[in-house]
Structures are given as structure tokens and as C-alpha cells.
Amino acid sequence: MKLALIIALPVILAGCADPGFVGVPDVVAVSQVEVAGCTHVSNISMTPAVYGPILATQGQQYARNKVLETARGDGANRVVFEKTEPGATVYLLRATAWRCP
């Protein structure tokens, strides 16, 4: 039992460090109005890995966080996500990344 815990602990901790799970604090999701005067950096899209009535929300949040991580890698500090209908199944998240002062 102890050996299994010792082996599993690094795997669990590595998963917790994944920005998809914990977020990206230095990149903020904002509205289109809030990026007026900022520099467009990139267009990003991400497909959620899971769908359905139970895991869809978690899948979308993970994908949104991965978009924020990609934006940070591109040099952006703001992201504008394309609006989606509440309750609609999201098969593709689209966003634009911006660098603002």
C-alpha cells in the first residue's frame, strides 16, 4: 500500500501543476471592449477533450485554461473567447490573444 502511494504521488502532483487544471494567473479572459488599444498576438482554437452532461463543464474549463496557456506562450496577457450559447455543446473553443500594456 505504501509503495503504491509513493509511486502514485509524483503522478498526482504532476497533474496538479498542469495549467489546464490550475489556470494561468498572468493571462486574463476579457471582453472585446477591454482590448481596445492592445496589440493582436494570435488566434487560438482548442477542442475540449470530453463532452456530455457530466464532464462537459470540466472539459470546457480545461480547454479554456489551455488556451490561456497557449496565449501566454505567444506573449499575450489577455484573451477574448468567442461567445457561445449557454447550455450548447461546445466542440471548438475559439479565442484571440492580445498583449495589453
PDB file of N, CA and C in Angstrom:
ATOM      1  N   MET A   1       0.822  -1.194   0.000  1.00  0.00           N
ATOM      2  CA  MET A   1       0.000   0.000   0.000  1.00  0.00           C
ATOM      3  C   MET A   1       0.865   1.256   0.000  1.00  0.00           C
ATOM      4  N   LYS A   2       1.869   1.287   0.881  1.00  0.00           N
ATOM      5  CA  LYS A   2       2.747   2.446   0.950  1.00  0.00           C
ATOM      6  C   LYS A   2       3.517   2.629  -0.352  1.00  0.00           C
ATOM      7  N   LEU A   3       3.956   1.532  -0.949  1.00  0.00           N
ATOM      8  CA  LEU A   3       4.698   1.607  -2.201  1.00  0.00           C
ATOM      9  C   LEU A   3       3.833   2.185  -3.316  1.00  0.00           C
ATOM     10  N   ALA A   4       2.565   1.784  -3.364  1.00  0.00           N
ATOM     11  CA  ALA A   4       1.652   2.319  -4.383  1.00  0.00           C
ATOM     12  C   ALA A   4       1.465   3.819  -4.211  1.00  0.00           C
ATOM     13  N   LEU A   5       1.366   4.275  -2.976  1.00  0.00           N
ATOM     14  CA  LEU A   5       1.211   5.704  -2.711  1.00  0.00           C
ATOM     15  C   LEU A   5       2.466   6.472  -3.111  1.00  0.00           C
ATOM     16  N   ILE A   6       3.623   5.916  -2.817  1.00  0.00           N
ATOM     17  CA  ILE A   6       4.895   6.559  -3.169  1.00  0.00           C
ATOM     18  C   ILE A   6       5.034   6.660  -4.684  1.00  0.00           C
ATOM     19  N   ILE A   7       4.603   5.662  -5.409  1.00  0.00           N
ATOM     20  CA  ILE A   7       4.679   5.676  -6.868  1.00  0.00           C
ATOM     21  C   ILE A   7       3.637   6.625  -7.453  1.00  0.00           C
ATOM     22  N   ALA A   8       2.440   6.653  -6.896  1.00  0.00           N
ATOM     23  CA  ALA A   8       1.349   7.460  -7.437  1.00  0.00           C
ATOM     24  C   ALA A   8       1.481   8.943  -7.104  1.00  0.00           C
ATOM     25  N   LEU A   9       2.116   9.290  -6.001  1.00  0.00           N
ATOM     26  CA  LEU A   9       2.187  10.685  -5.571  1.00  0.00           C
ATOM     27  C   LEU A   9       2.825  11.612  -6.614  1.00  0.00           C
ATOM     28  N   PRO A  10       3.972  11.270  -7.215  1.00  0.00           N
ATOM     29  CA  PRO A  10       4.528  12.170  -8.242  1.00  0.00           C
ATOM     30  C   PRO A  10       3.599  12.358  -9.442  1.00  0.00           C
ATOM     31  N   VAL A  11       2.879  11.332  -9.818  1.00  0.00           N
ATOM     32  CA  VAL A  11       1.936  11.433 -10.928  1.00  0.00           C
ATOM     33  C   VAL A  11       0.796  12.374 -10.566  1.00  0.00           C
ATOM     34  N   ILE A  12       0.290  12.269  -9.356  1.00  0.00           N
ATOM     35  CA  ILE A  12      -0.801  13.131  -8.897  1.00  0.00           C
ATOM     36  C   ILE A  12      -0.326  14.580  -8.837  1.00  0.00           C
ATOM     37  N   LEU A  13       0.847  14.809  -8.278  1.00  0.00           N
ATOM     38  CA  LEU A  13       1.373  16.172  -8.163  1.00  0.00           C
ATOM     39  C   LEU A  13       1.685  16.775  -9.525  1.00  0.00           C
ATOM     40  N   ALA A  14       2.167  15.977 -10.462  1.00  0.00           N
ATOM     41  CA  ALA A  14       2.440  16.484 -11.811  1.00  0.00           C
ATOM     42  C   ALA A  14       1.150  16.923 -12.476  1.00  0.00           C
ATOM     43  N   GLY A  15       0.062  16.202 -12.263  1.00  0.00           N
ATOM     44  CA  GLY A  15      -1.229  16.574 -12.827  1.00  0.00           C
ATOM     45  C   GLY A  15      -1.749  17.866 -12.248  1.00  0.00           C
ATOM     46  N   CYS A  16      -1.465  18.125 -10.987  1.00  0.00           N
ATOM     47  CA  CYS A  16      -1.926  19.354 -10.343  1.00  0.00           C
ATOM     48  C   CYS A  16      -1.211  20.582 -10.885  1.00  0.00           C
ATOM     49  N   ALA A  17      -0.003  20.415 -11.402  1.00  0.00           N
ATOM     50  CA  ALA A  17       0.762  21.540 -11.929  1.00  0.00           C
ATOM     51  C   ALA A  17       0.356  21.883 -13.359  1.00  0.00           C
ATOM     52  N   ASP A  18      -0.440  21.067 -13.998  1.00  0.00           N
ATOM     53  CA  ASP A  18      -0.885  21.303 -15.372  1.00  0.00           C
ATOM     54  C   ASP A  18      -1.757  22.553 -15.403  1.00  0.00           C
ATOM     55  N   PRO A  19      -1.369  23.582 -16.195  1.00  0.00           N
ATOM     56  CA  PRO A  19      -2.180  24.802 -16.273  1.00  0.00           C
ATOM     57  C   PRO A  19      -3.624  24.547 -16.707  1.00  0.00           C
ATOM     58  N   GLY A  20      -3.862  23.451 -17.399  1.00  0.00           N
ATOM     59  CA  GLY A  20      -5.232  23.119 -17.765  1.00  0.00           C
ATOM     60  C   GLY A  20      -6.113  22.892 -16.550  1.00  0.00           C
ATOM     61  N   PHE A  21      -5.495  22.415 -15.471  1.00  0.00           N
ATOM     62  CA  PHE A  21      -6.233  22.175 -14.232  1.00  0.00           C
ATOM     63  C   PHE A  21      -6.194  23.375 -13.288  1.00  0.00           C
ATOM     64  N   VAL A  22      -5.052  24.039 -13.204  1.00  0.00           N
ATOM     65  CA  VAL A  22      -4.890  25.090 -12.198  1.00  0.00           C
ATOM     66  C   VAL A  22      -5.062  26.503 -12.734  1.00  0.00           C
ATOM     67  N   GLY A  23      -5.077  26.681 -14.037  1.00  0.00           N
ATOM     68  CA  GLY A  23      -5.258  28.010 -14.618  1.00  0.00           C
ATOM     69  C   GLY A  23      -3.937  28.703 -14.901  1.00  0.00           C
ATOM     70  N   VAL A  24      -4.042  29.884 -15.476  1.00  0.00           N
ATOM     71  CA  VAL A  24      -2.874  30.686 -15.846  1.00  0.00           C
ATOM     72  C   VAL A  24      -3.092  32.086 -15.266  1.00  0.00           C
ATOM     73  N   PRO A  25      -2.529  32.361 -14.092  1.00  0.00           N
ATOM     74  CA  PRO A  25      -2.848  33.616 -13.402  1.00  0.00           C
ATOM     75  C   PRO A  25      -2.394  34.890 -14.119  1.00  0.00           C
ATOM     76  N   ASP A  26      -1.373  34.809 -14.980  1.00  0.00           N
ATOM     77  CA  ASP A  26      -0.869  36.022 -15.614  1.00  0.00           C
ATOM     78  C   ASP A  26      -1.519  36.327 -16.962  1.00  0.00           C
ATOM     79  N   VAL A  27      -2.533  35.547 -17.352  1.00  0.00           N
ATOM     80  CA  VAL A  27      -3.309  35.812 -18.568  1.00  0.00           C
ATOM     81  C   VAL A  27      -4.781  35.851 -18.160  1.00  0.00           C
ATOM     82  N   VAL A  28      -5.487  36.901 -18.598  1.00  0.00           N
ATOM     83  CA  VAL A  28      -6.852  37.125 -18.155  1.00  0.00           C
ATOM     84  C   VAL A  28      -7.819  37.046 -19.338  1.00  0.00           C
ATOM     85  N   ALA A  29      -8.949  36.382 -19.137  1.00  0.00           N
ATOM     86  CA  ALA A  29     -10.019  36.369 -20.134  1.00  0.00           C
ATOM     87  C   ALA A  29     -10.836  37.640 -19.959  1.00  0.00           C
ATOM     88  N   VAL A  30     -10.999  38.396 -21.058  1.00  0.00           N
ATOM     89  CA  VAL A  30     -11.701  39.676 -21.010  1.00  0.00           C
ATOM     90  C   VAL A  30     -12.675  39.760 -22.188  1.00  0.00           C
ATOM     91  N   SER A  31     -13.449  40.856 -22.238  1.00  0.00           N
ATOM     92  CA  SER A  31     -14.363  41.078 -23.364  1.00  0.00           C
ATOM     93  C   SER A  31     -13.626  41.831 -24.473  1.00  0.00           C
ATOM     94  N   GLN A  32     -14.210  41.851 -25.647  1.00  0.00           N
ATOM     95  CA  GLN A  32     -13.608  42.523 -26.797  1.00  0.00           C
ATOM     96  C   GLN A  32     -13.382  44.008 -26.529  1.00  0.00           C
ATOM     97  N   VAL A  33     -14.275  44.632 -25.796  1.00  0.00           N
ATOM     98  CA  VAL A  33     -14.160  46.062 -25.490  1.00  0.00           C
ATOM     99  C   VAL A  33     -12.900  46.354 -24.676  1.00  0.00           C
ATOM    100  N   GLU A  34     -12.506  45.408 -23.835  1.00  0.00           N
ATOM    101  CA  GLU A  34     -11.377  45.622 -22.937  1.00  0.00           C
ATOM    102  C   GLU A  34     -10.010  45.524 -23.617  1.00  0.00           C
ATOM    103  N   VAL A  35      -9.971  45.129 -24.893  1.00  0.00           N
ATOM    104  CA  VAL A  35      -8.687  45.039 -25.593  1.00  0.00           C
ATOM    105  C   VAL A  35      -8.512  46.158 -26.617  1.00  0.00           C
ATOM    106  N   ALA A  36      -9.360  47.184 -26.549  1.00  0.00           N
ATOM    107  CA  ALA A  36      -9.198  48.341 -27.432  1.00  0.00           C
ATOM    108  C   ALA A  36      -7.842  48.977 -27.126  1.00  0.00           C
ATOM    109  N   GLY A  37      -7.065  49.210 -28.144  1.00  0.00           N
ATOM    110  CA  GLY A  37      -5.747  49.797 -27.958  1.00  0.00           C
ATOM    111  C   GLY A  37      -4.650  48.785 -27.674  1.00  0.00           C
ATOM    112  N   CYS A  38      -4.982  47.499 -27.637  1.00  0.00           N
ATOM    113  CA  CYS A  38      -3.995  46.448 -27.405  1.00  0.00           C
ATOM    114  C   CYS A  38      -3.500  45.894 -28.739  1.00  0.00           C
ATOM    115  N   THR A  39      -2.447  45.108 -28.702  1.00  0.00           N
ATOM    116  CA  THR A  39      -1.866  44.510 -29.906  1.00  0.00           C
ATOM    117  C   THR A  39      -2.343  43.070 -30.054  1.00  0.00           C
ATOM    118  N   HIS A  40      -2.911  42.755 -31.223  1.00  0.00           N
ATOM    119  CA  HIS A  40      -3.347  41.379 -31.501  1.00  0.00           C
ATOM    120  C   HIS A  40      -2.111  40.505 -31.638  1.00  0.00           C
ATOM    121  N   VAL A  41      -2.117  39.362 -30.956  1.00  0.00           N
ATOM    122  CA  VAL A  41      -0.976  38.457 -30.968  1.00  0.00           C
ATOM    123  C   VAL A  41      -1.254  37.215 -31.800  1.00  0.00           C
ATOM    124  N   SER A  42      -2.396  36.558 -31.558  1.00  0.00           N
ATOM    125  CA  SER A  42      -2.684  35.318 -32.280  1.00  0.00           C
ATOM    126  C   SER A  42      -4.153  34.934 -32.153  1.00  0.00           C
ATOM    127  N   ASN A  43      -4.563  34.014 -33.025  1.00  0.00           N
ATOM    128  CA  ASN A  43      -5.872  33.368 -32.947  1.00  0.00           C
ATOM    129  C   ASN A  43      -5.625  31.947 -32.458  1.00  0.00           C
ATOM    130  N   ILE A  44      -6.410  31.510 -31.504  1.00  0.00           N
ATOM    131  CA  ILE A  44      -6.201  30.195 -30.899  1.00  0.00           C
ATOM    132  C   ILE A  44      -7.521  29.442 -30.885  1.00  0.00           C
ATOM    133  N   SER A  45      -7.457  28.142 -31.159  1.00  0.00           N
ATOM    134  CA  SER A  45      -8.648  27.298 -31.018  1.00  0.00           C
ATOM    135  C   SER A  45      -8.248  26.018 -30.297  1.00  0.00           C
ATOM    136  N   MET A  46      -9.194  25.450 -29.584  1.00  0.00           N
ATOM    137  CA  MET A  46      -8.935  24.257 -28.792  1.00  0.00           C
ATOM    138  C   MET A  46     -10.212  23.431 -28.744  1.00  0.00           C
ATOM    139  N   THR A  47     -10.072  22.131 -28.923  1.00  0.00           N
ATOM    140  CA  THR A  47     -11.201  21.214 -28.834  1.00  0.00           C
ATOM    141  C   THR A  47     -11.231  20.605 -27.436  1.00  0.00           C
ATOM    142  N   PRO A  48     -12.352  20.755 -26.704  1.00  0.00           N
ATOM    143  CA  PRO A  48     -12.438  20.101 -25.394  1.00  0.00           C
ATOM    144  C   PRO A  48     -12.289  18.587 -25.550  1.00  0.00           C
ATOM    145  N   ALA A  49     -11.607  17.971 -24.616  1.00  0.00           N
ATOM    146  CA  ALA A  49     -11.340  16.537 -24.700  1.00  0.00           C
ATOM    147  C   ALA A  49     -12.530  15.676 -24.296  1.00  0.00           C
ATOM    148  N   VAL A  50     -13.452  16.226 -23.507  1.00  0.00           N
ATOM    149  CA  VAL A  50     -14.607  15.456 -23.055  1.00  0.00           C
ATOM    150  C   VAL A  50     -15.890  16.248 -23.276  1.00  0.00           C
ATOM    151  N   TYR A  51     -16.982  15.528 -23.481  1.00  0.00           N
ATOM    152  CA  TYR A  51     -18.292  16.116 -23.709  1.00  0.00           C
ATOM    153  C   TYR A  51     -19.304  15.399 -22.830  1.00  0.00           C
ATOM    154  N   GLY A  52     -20.545  15.806 -22.950  1.00  0.00           N
ATOM    155  CA  GLY A  52     -21.620  15.093 -22.272  1.00  0.00           C
ATOM    156  C   GLY A  52     -22.134  15.835 -21.066  1.00  0.00           C
ATOM    157  N   PRO A  53     -23.219  15.329 -20.513  1.00  0.00           N
ATOM    158  CA  PRO A  53     -23.894  16.026 -19.418  1.00  0.00           C
ATOM    159  C   PRO A  53     -23.088  16.062 -18.115  1.00  0.00           C
ATOM    160  N   ILE A  54     -22.134  15.160 -17.939  1.00  0.00           N
ATOM    161  CA  ILE A  54     -21.412  15.099 -16.677  1.00  0.00           C
ATOM    162  C   ILE A  54     -20.072  15.839 -16.744  1.00  0.00           C
ATOM    163  N   LEU A  55     -19.308  15.659 -17.812  1.00  0.00           N
ATOM    164  CA  LEU A  55     -17.955  16.202 -17.866  1.00  0.00           C
ATOM    165  C   LEU A  55     -17.781  17.405 -18.791  1.00  0.00           C
ATOM    166  N   ALA A  56     -18.823  17.850 -19.455  1.00  0.00           N
ATOM    167  CA  ALA A  56     -18.687  18.935 -20.432  1.00  0.00           C
ATOM    168  C   ALA A  56     -18.130  20.207 -19.798  1.00  0.00           C
ATOM    169  N   THR A  57     -18.619  20.584 -18.646  1.00  0.00           N
ATOM    170  CA  THR A  57     -18.157  21.813 -17.999  1.00  0.00           C
ATOM    171  C   THR A  57     -16.674  21.722 -17.654  1.00  0.00           C
ATOM    172  N   GLN A  58     -16.240  20.602 -17.108  1.00  0.00           N
ATOM    173  CA  GLN A  58     -14.836  20.426 -16.769  1.00  0.00           C
ATOM    174  C   GLN A  58     -13.975  20.403 -18.030  1.00  0.00           C
ATOM    175  N   GLY A  59     -14.459  19.764 -19.085  1.00  0.00           N
ATOM    176  CA  GLY A  59     -13.723  19.719 -20.348  1.00  0.00           C
ATOM    177  C   GLY A  59     -13.555  21.095 -20.955  1.00  0.00           C
ATOM    178  N   GLN A  60     -14.606  21.905 -20.895  1.00  0.00           N
ATOM    179  CA  GLN A  60     -14.522  23.265 -21.421  1.00  0.00           C
ATOM    180  C   GLN A  60     -13.582  24.117 -20.583  1.00  0.00           C
ATOM    181  N   GLN A  61     -13.632  23.992 -19.275  1.00  0.00           N
ATOM    182  CA  GLN A  61     -12.745  24.778 -18.417  1.00  0.00           C
ATOM    183  C   GLN A  61     -11.286  24.401 -18.653  1.00  0.00           C
ATOM    184  N   TYR A  62     -11.016  23.114 -18.795  1.00  0.00           N
ATOM    185  CA  TYR A  62      -9.650  22.659 -19.074  1.00  0.00           C
ATOM    186  C   TYR A  62      -9.174  23.243 -20.406  1.00  0.00           C
ATOM    187  N   ALA A  63     -10.027  23.182 -21.439  1.00  0.00           N
ATOM    188  CA  ALA A  63      -9.664  23.715 -22.757  1.00  0.00           C
ATOM    189  C   ALA A  63      -9.443  25.227 -22.682  1.00  0.00           C
ATOM    190  N   ARG A  64     -10.283  25.945 -21.947  1.00  0.00           N
ATOM    191  CA  ARG A  64     -10.102  27.399 -21.792  1.00  0.00           C
ATOM    192  C   ARG A  64      -8.754  27.700 -21.126  1.00  0.00           C
ATOM    193  N   ASN A  65      -8.415  26.940 -20.097  1.00  0.00           N
ATOM    194  CA  ASN A  65      -7.130  27.148 -19.428  1.00  0.00           C
ATOM    195  C   ASN A  65      -5.959  26.839 -20.359  1.00  0.00           C
ATOM    196  N   LYS A  66      -6.099  25.833 -21.203  1.00  0.00           N
ATOM    197  CA  LYS A  66      -5.038  25.511 -22.159  1.00  0.00           C
ATOM    198  C   LYS A  66      -4.905  26.615 -23.210  1.00  0.00           C
ATOM    199  N   VAL A  67      -6.016  27.251 -23.593  1.00  0.00           N
ATOM    200  CA  VAL A  67      -5.951  28.401 -24.497  1.00  0.00           C
ATOM    201  C   VAL A  67      -5.188  29.540 -23.822  1.00  0.00           C
ATOM    202  N   LEU A  68      -5.457  29.787 -22.542  1.00  0.00           N
ATOM    203  CA  LEU A  68      -4.738  30.819 -21.803  1.00  0.00           C
ATOM    204  C   LEU A  68      -3.241  30.501 -21.744  1.00  0.00           C
ATOM    205  N   GLU A  69      -2.912  29.233 -21.562  1.00  0.00           N
ATOM    206  CA  GLU A  69      -1.503  28.823 -21.533  1.00  0.00           C
ATOM    207  C   GLU A  69      -0.841  29.073 -22.891  1.00  0.00           C
ATOM    208  N   THR A  70      -1.532  28.733 -23.964  1.00  0.00           N
ATOM    209  CA  THR A  70      -1.007  28.969 -25.309  1.00  0.00           C
ATOM    210  C   THR A  70      -0.805  30.460 -25.550  1.00  0.00           C
ATOM    211  N   ALA A  71      -1.780  31.261 -25.123  1.00  0.00           N
ATOM    212  CA  ALA A  71      -1.680  32.717 -25.275  1.00  0.00           C
ATOM    213  C   ALA A  71      -0.456  33.255 -24.540  1.00  0.00           C
ATOM    214  N   ARG A  72      -0.227  32.764 -23.342  1.00  0.00           N
ATOM    215  CA  ARG A  72       0.959  33.197 -22.585  1.00  0.00           C
ATOM    216  C   ARG A  72       2.231  32.842 -23.348  1.00  0.00           C
ATOM    217  N   GLY A  73       2.275  31.661 -23.928  1.00  0.00           N
ATOM    218  CA  GLY A  73       3.424  31.245 -24.730  1.00  0.00           C
ATOM    219  C   GLY A  73       3.629  32.113 -25.958  1.00  0.00           C
ATOM    220  N   ASP A  74       2.536  32.658 -26.476  1.00  0.00           N
ATOM    221  CA  ASP A  74       2.605  33.551 -27.638  1.00  0.00           C
ATOM    222  C   ASP A  74       2.979  34.980 -27.255  1.00  0.00           C
ATOM    223  N   GLY A  75       3.030  35.273 -25.958  1.00  0.00           N
ATOM    224  CA  GLY A  75       3.381  36.609 -25.490  1.00  0.00           C
ATOM    225  C   GLY A  75       2.193  37.489 -25.166  1.00  0.00           C
ATOM    226  N   ALA A  76       1.014  36.906 -25.036  1.00  0.00           N
ATOM    227  CA  ALA A  76      -0.202  37.678 -24.735  1.00  0.00           C
ATOM    228  C   ALA A  76      -0.471  37.697 -23.233  1.00  0.00           C
ATOM    229  N   ASN A  77      -1.241  38.707 -22.808  1.00  0.00           N
ATOM    230  CA  ASN A  77      -1.662  38.752 -21.408  1.00  0.00           C
ATOM    231  C   ASN A  77      -3.182  38.897 -21.267  1.00  0.00           C
ATOM    232  N   ARG A  78      -3.890  38.937 -22.395  1.00  0.00           N
ATOM    233  CA  ARG A  78      -5.352  38.994 -22.404  1.00  0.00           C
ATOM    234  C   ARG A  78      -5.878  38.060 -23.491  1.00  0.00           C
ATOM    235  N   VAL A  79      -7.046  37.467 -23.240  1.00  0.00           N
ATOM    236  CA  VAL A  79      -7.681  36.576 -24.214  1.00  0.00           C
ATOM    237  C   VAL A  79      -9.160  36.918 -24.294  1.00  0.00           C
ATOM    238  N   VAL A  80      -9.664  36.984 -25.518  1.00  0.00           N
ATOM    239  CA  VAL A  80     -11.096  37.183 -25.747  1.00  0.00           C
ATOM    240  C   VAL A  80     -11.632  35.885 -26.350  1.00  0.00           C
ATOM    241  N   PHE A  81     -12.536  35.222 -25.627  1.00  0.00           N
ATOM    242  CA  PHE A  81     -13.148  33.986 -26.119  1.00  0.00           C
ATOM    243  C   PHE A  81     -14.381  34.314 -26.951  1.00  0.00           C
ATOM    244  N   GLU A  82     -14.571  33.551 -28.024  1.00  0.00           N
ATOM    245  CA  GLU A  82     -15.779  33.690 -28.834  1.00  0.00           C
ATOM    246  C   GLU A  82     -16.973  33.285 -27.982  1.00  0.00           C
ATOM    247  N   LYS A  83     -18.035  34.050 -28.070  1.00  0.00           N
ATOM    248  CA  LYS A  83     -19.228  33.758 -27.265  1.00  0.00           C
ATOM    249  C   LYS A  83     -19.911  32.483 -27.769  1.00  0.00           C
ATOM    250  N   THR A  84     -20.465  31.730 -26.819  1.00  0.00           N
ATOM    251  CA  THR A  84     -21.230  30.530 -27.146  1.00  0.00           C
ATOM    252  C   THR A  84     -22.590  30.616 -26.456  1.00  0.00           C
ATOM    253  N   GLU A  85     -23.548  29.927 -27.001  1.00  0.00           N
ATOM    254  CA  GLU A  85     -24.886  29.887 -26.411  1.00  0.00           C
ATOM    255  C   GLU A  85     -24.843  29.124 -25.089  1.00  0.00           C
ATOM    256  N   PRO A  86     -25.422  29.661 -24.031  1.00  0.00           N
ATOM    257  CA  PRO A  86     -25.459  28.940 -22.758  1.00  0.00           C
ATOM    258  C   PRO A  86     -26.153  27.591 -22.923  1.00  0.00           C
ATOM    259  N   GLY A  87     -25.525  26.558 -22.400  1.00  0.00           N
ATOM    260  CA  GLY A  87     -26.089  25.213 -22.462  1.00  0.00           C
ATOM    261  C   GLY A  87     -25.800  24.472 -23.746  1.00  0.00           C
ATOM    262  N   ALA A  88     -25.232  25.140 -24.756  1.00  0.00           N
ATOM    263  CA  ALA A  88     -24.922  24.484 -26.028  1.00  0.00           C
ATOM    264  C   ALA A  88     -23.661  23.643 -25.874  1.00  0.00           C
ATOM    265  N   THR A  89     -23.595  22.536 -26.592  1.00  0.00           N
ATOM    266  CA  THR A  89     -22.402  21.706 -26.594  1.00  0.00           C
ATOM    267  C   THR A  89     -21.320  22.432 -27.381  1.00  0.00           C
ATOM    268  N   VAL A  90     -20.161  22.573 -26.774  1.00  0.00           N
ATOM    269  CA  VAL A  90     -19.045  23.275 -27.411  1.00  0.00           C
ATOM    270  C   VAL A  90     -18.069  22.240 -27.946  1.00  0.00           C
ATOM    271  N   TYR A  91     -17.931  22.216 -29.266  1.00  0.00           N
ATOM    272  CA  TYR A  91     -17.000  21.286 -29.898  1.00  0.00           C
ATOM    273  C   TYR A  91     -15.670  21.947 -30.227  1.00  0.00           C
ATOM    274  N   LEU A  92     -15.640  23.277 -30.253  1.00  0.00           N
ATOM    275  CA  LEU A  92     -14.414  24.003 -30.555  1.00  0.00           C
ATOM    276  C   LEU A  92     -14.454  25.369 -29.872  1.00  0.00           C
ATOM    277  N   LEU A  93     -13.472  25.648 -29.038  1.00  0.00           N
ATOM    278  CA  LEU A  93     -13.334  26.967 -28.422  1.00  0.00           C
ATOM    279  C   LEU A  93     -12.442  27.811 -29.322  1.00  0.00           C
ATOM    280  N   ARG A  94     -12.869  29.019 -29.601  1.00  0.00           N
ATOM    281  CA  ARG A  94     -12.069  29.955 -30.403  1.00  0.00           C
ATOM    282  C   ARG A  94     -11.803  31.195 -29.564  1.00  0.00           C
ATOM    283  N   ALA A  95     -10.592  31.725 -29.722  1.00  0.00           N
ATOM    284  CA  ALA A  95     -10.217  32.901 -28.944  1.00  0.00           C
ATOM    285  C   ALA A  95      -9.171  33.703 -29.704  1.00  0.00           C
ATOM    286  N   THR A  96      -9.067  34.977 -29.335  1.00  0.00           N
ATOM    287  CA  THR A  96      -7.993  35.825 -29.844  1.00  0.00           C
ATOM    288  C   THR A  96      -7.138  36.244 -28.653  1.00  0.00           C
ATOM    289  N   ALA A  97      -5.840  36.244 -28.859  1.00  0.00           N
ATOM    290  CA  ALA A  97      -4.886  36.604 -27.798  1.00  0.00           C
ATOM    291  C   ALA A  97      -4.379  38.013 -28.069  1.00  0.00           C
ATOM    292  N   TRP A  98      -4.238  38.794 -26.997  1.00  0.00           N
ATOM    293  CA  TRP A  98      -3.843  40.195 -27.088  1.00  0.00           C
ATOM    294  C   TRP A  98      -2.765  40.520 -26.069  1.00  0.00           C
ATOM    295  N   ARG A  99      -1.891  41.460 -26.413  1.00  0.00           N
ATOM    296  CA  ARG A  99      -0.914  41.990 -25.476  1.00  0.00           C
ATOM    297  C   ARG A  99      -1.314  43.426 -25.158  1.00  0.00           C
ATOM    298  N   CYS A 100      -1.596  43.665 -23.905  1.00  0.00           N
ATOM    299  CA  CYS A 100      -2.036  44.990 -23.455  1.00  0.00           C
ATOM    300  C   CYS A 100      -1.009  45.550 -22.479  1.00  0.00           C
ATOM    301  N   PRO A 101      -0.892  46.873 -22.454  1.00  0.00           N
ATOM    302  CA  PRO A 101       0.061  47.481 -21.509  1.00  0.00           C
ATOM    303  C   PRO A 101      -0.388  47.313 -20.066  1.00  0.00           C
TER     304      PRO A 101
END
